[in-house]
């Protein structure tokens, strides 16, 4: 903090020796050391308090962010957000003509049939495996 070299400290010591005298100089140095220690402790406490306050402010901001996020998850807000998104999508989309609608429907039906066939085949395999297990038991 302060750039005090050897010569500056020597000059201060000589002046103090002349002004105070050799009898009171040790007690004066002791008292100055106590004051310096108190100043350091005060500076350290101030630094700690400032850091602690900064952490509290950061946690308060984080808590506010979490609260805002929780408000976004609120079902009422979600419903409103979904309605807004749906309205936006509807405003951007073009209506389908009958041929496109039929094609989409046929794809969905064929996929549904494929899934039903796969489910039936899986049920048959499961039944066969269960029957085999029953026979072996």
Protein backbone atom coordinates (compact mmCIF):
# COMPACT_ATOMS: atom_id res chain seq x y z
CA UNK A 1 0.00 0.00 0.00
CA UNK A 2 2.63 2.54 1.07
CA UNK A 3 6.07 2.34 -0.45
CA UNK A 4 8.25 2.95 2.60
CA UNK A 5 11.85 1.86 2.26
CA UNK A 6 14.68 1.32 4.72
CA UNK A 7 15.83 4.96 4.74
CA UNK A 8 12.35 6.33 5.38
CA UNK A 9 11.88 3.97 8.34
CA UNK A 10 15.35 4.89 9.67
CA UNK A 11 14.57 8.60 9.45
CA UNK A 12 11.24 8.13 11.28
CA UNK A 13 13.03 6.09 14.02
CA UNK A 14 15.71 8.76 14.53
CA UNK A 15 13.13 11.57 14.71
CA UNK A 16 11.04 9.54 17.16
CA UNK A 17 14.12 8.85 19.29
CA UNK A 18 14.98 12.54 19.42
CA UNK A 19 11.41 13.76 20.04
CA UNK A 20 10.23 11.11 22.51
CA UNK A 21 13.47 10.10 24.14
CA UNK A 22 14.99 6.68 24.75
CA UNK A 23 12.91 6.00 27.91
CA UNK A 24 9.48 6.28 26.29
CA UNK A 25 10.41 4.99 22.83
CA UNK A 26 9.81 1.25 23.56
CA UNK A 27 6.33 1.88 24.97
CA UNK A 28 5.54 4.18 22.02
CA UNK A 29 6.66 1.50 19.52
CA UNK A 30 4.58 -1.07 21.41
CA UNK A 31 1.51 1.20 21.27
CA UNK A 32 2.08 1.92 17.56
CA UNK A 33 2.26 -1.83 16.92
CA UNK A 34 -1.07 -2.33 18.71
CA UNK A 35 -2.67 0.43 16.64
CA UNK A 36 -1.29 -1.09 13.43
CA UNK A 37 -2.67 -4.51 14.44
CA UNK A 38 -6.07 -2.99 15.14
CA UNK A 39 -6.02 -1.22 11.77
CA UNK A 40 -5.19 -4.49 10.00
CA UNK A 41 -7.94 -6.34 11.90
CA UNK A 42 -10.43 -3.61 11.01
CA UNK A 43 -9.41 -3.75 7.34
CA UNK A 44 -9.69 -7.55 7.36
CA UNK A 45 -13.15 -7.39 9.00
CA UNK A 46 -14.28 -4.78 6.49
CA UNK A 47 -13.05 -6.93 3.60
CA UNK A 48 -14.86 -9.97 5.05
CA UNK A 49 -18.09 -7.99 5.53
CA UNK A 50 -17.95 -6.68 1.96
CA UNK A 51 -17.36 -10.17 0.55
CA UNK A 52 -20.15 -11.57 2.74
CA UNK A 53 -22.54 -8.84 1.55
CA UNK A 54 -21.59 -9.53 -2.08
CA UNK A 55 -22.34 -13.25 -1.55
CA UNK A 56 -25.69 -12.40 0.05
CA UNK A 57 -26.57 -10.15 -2.89
CA UNK A 58 -25.56 -12.88 -5.34
CA UNK A 59 -27.69 -15.45 -3.49
CA UNK A 60 -30.64 -13.04 -3.44
CA UNK A 61 -30.31 -12.57 -7.21
CA UNK A 62 -30.09 -16.35 -7.68
CA UNK A 63 -33.20 -16.78 -5.53
CA UNK A 64 -35.02 -14.20 -7.64
CA UNK A 65 -33.97 -16.03 -10.83
CA UNK A 66 -35.25 -19.32 -9.38
CA UNK A 67 -38.54 -17.68 -8.41
CA UNK A 68 -38.95 -16.30 -11.93
CA UNK A 69 -38.19 -19.74 -13.37
CA UNK A 70 -40.75 -21.28 -11.02
CA UNK A 71 -43.31 -18.74 -12.21
CA UNK A 72 -42.62 -19.87 -15.78
CA UNK A 73 -43.35 -23.47 -14.74
CA UNK A 74 -46.61 -22.43 -13.10
CA UNK A 75 -49.45 -24.29 -14.92
CA UNK A 76 -51.40 -21.10 -15.52
CA UNK A 77 -48.39 -19.45 -17.13
CA UNK A 78 -47.58 -22.60 -19.10
CA UNK A 79 -51.13 -22.72 -20.41
CA UNK A 80 -50.89 -19.09 -21.50
CA UNK A 81 -47.47 -19.64 -23.07
CA UNK A 82 -48.72 -22.72 -24.93
CA UNK A 83 -51.75 -20.84 -26.21
CA UNK A 84 -49.50 -18.03 -27.43
CA UNK A 85 -47.16 -20.50 -29.15
CA UNK A 86 -50.08 -22.34 -30.75
CA UNK A 87 -51.58 -19.06 -32.00
CA UNK A 88 -48.17 -18.11 -33.39
CA UNK A 89 -47.82 -21.47 -35.15
CA UNK A 90 -51.33 -21.25 -36.55
CA UNK A 91 -50.67 -17.76 -37.86
CA UNK A 92 -47.49 -18.96 -39.61
CA UNK A 93 -48.87 -22.21 -41.05
CA UNK A 94 -50.73 -22.63 -44.30
CA UNK A 95 -53.90 -24.70 -44.43
CA UNK A 96 -53.62 -28.16 -46.00
CA UNK A 97 -55.55 -29.04 -49.11
CA UNK A 98 -57.65 -32.23 -49.16
CA UNK A 99 -54.96 -34.33 -50.93
CA UNK A 100 -52.31 -33.46 -48.36
CA UNK A 101 -54.70 -34.13 -45.53
CA UNK A 102 -55.59 -37.56 -46.98
CA UNK A 103 -51.91 -38.43 -47.45
CA UNK A 104 -51.10 -37.56 -43.84
CA UNK A 105 -54.08 -39.55 -42.62
CA UNK A 106 -53.08 -42.60 -44.68
CA UNK A 107 -49.51 -42.46 -43.35
CA UNK A 108 -50.79 -42.31 -39.79
CA UNK A 109 -53.13 -45.24 -40.37
CA UNK A 110 -50.41 -47.35 -42.00
CA UNK A 111 -48.00 -46.59 -39.13
CA UNK A 112 -50.73 -47.47 -36.65
CA UNK A 113 -51.32 -50.75 -38.49
CA UNK A 114 -47.59 -51.47 -38.42
CA UNK A 115 -47.49 -50.86 -34.68
CA UNK A 116 -50.56 -53.07 -34.16
CA UNK A 117 -48.95 -55.86 -36.21
CA UNK A 118 -45.73 -55.59 -34.23
CA UNK A 119 -47.70 -55.65 -30.95
CA UNK A 120 -49.61 -58.75 -32.04
CA UNK A 121 -46.39 -60.49 -33.05
CA UNK A 122 -44.80 -59.61 -29.73
CA UNK A 123 -47.86 -60.93 -27.87
CA UNK A 124 -47.61 -64.22 -29.80
CA UNK A 125 -43.92 -64.58 -28.97
CA UNK A 126 -44.57 -63.82 -25.30
CA UNK A 127 -47.41 -66.34 -25.16
CA UNK A 128 -45.20 -68.97 -26.84
CA UNK A 129 -42.38 -68.34 -24.38
CA UNK A 130 -44.77 -68.51 -21.42
CA UNK A 131 -46.18 -71.78 -22.72
CA UNK A 132 -42.68 -73.21 -23.09
CA UNK A 133 -41.87 -72.17 -19.54
CA UNK A 134 -45.08 -73.77 -18.21
CA UNK A 135 -44.27 -77.05 -19.96
CA UNK A 136 -40.73 -77.16 -18.64
CA UNK A 137 -41.82 -76.47 -15.06
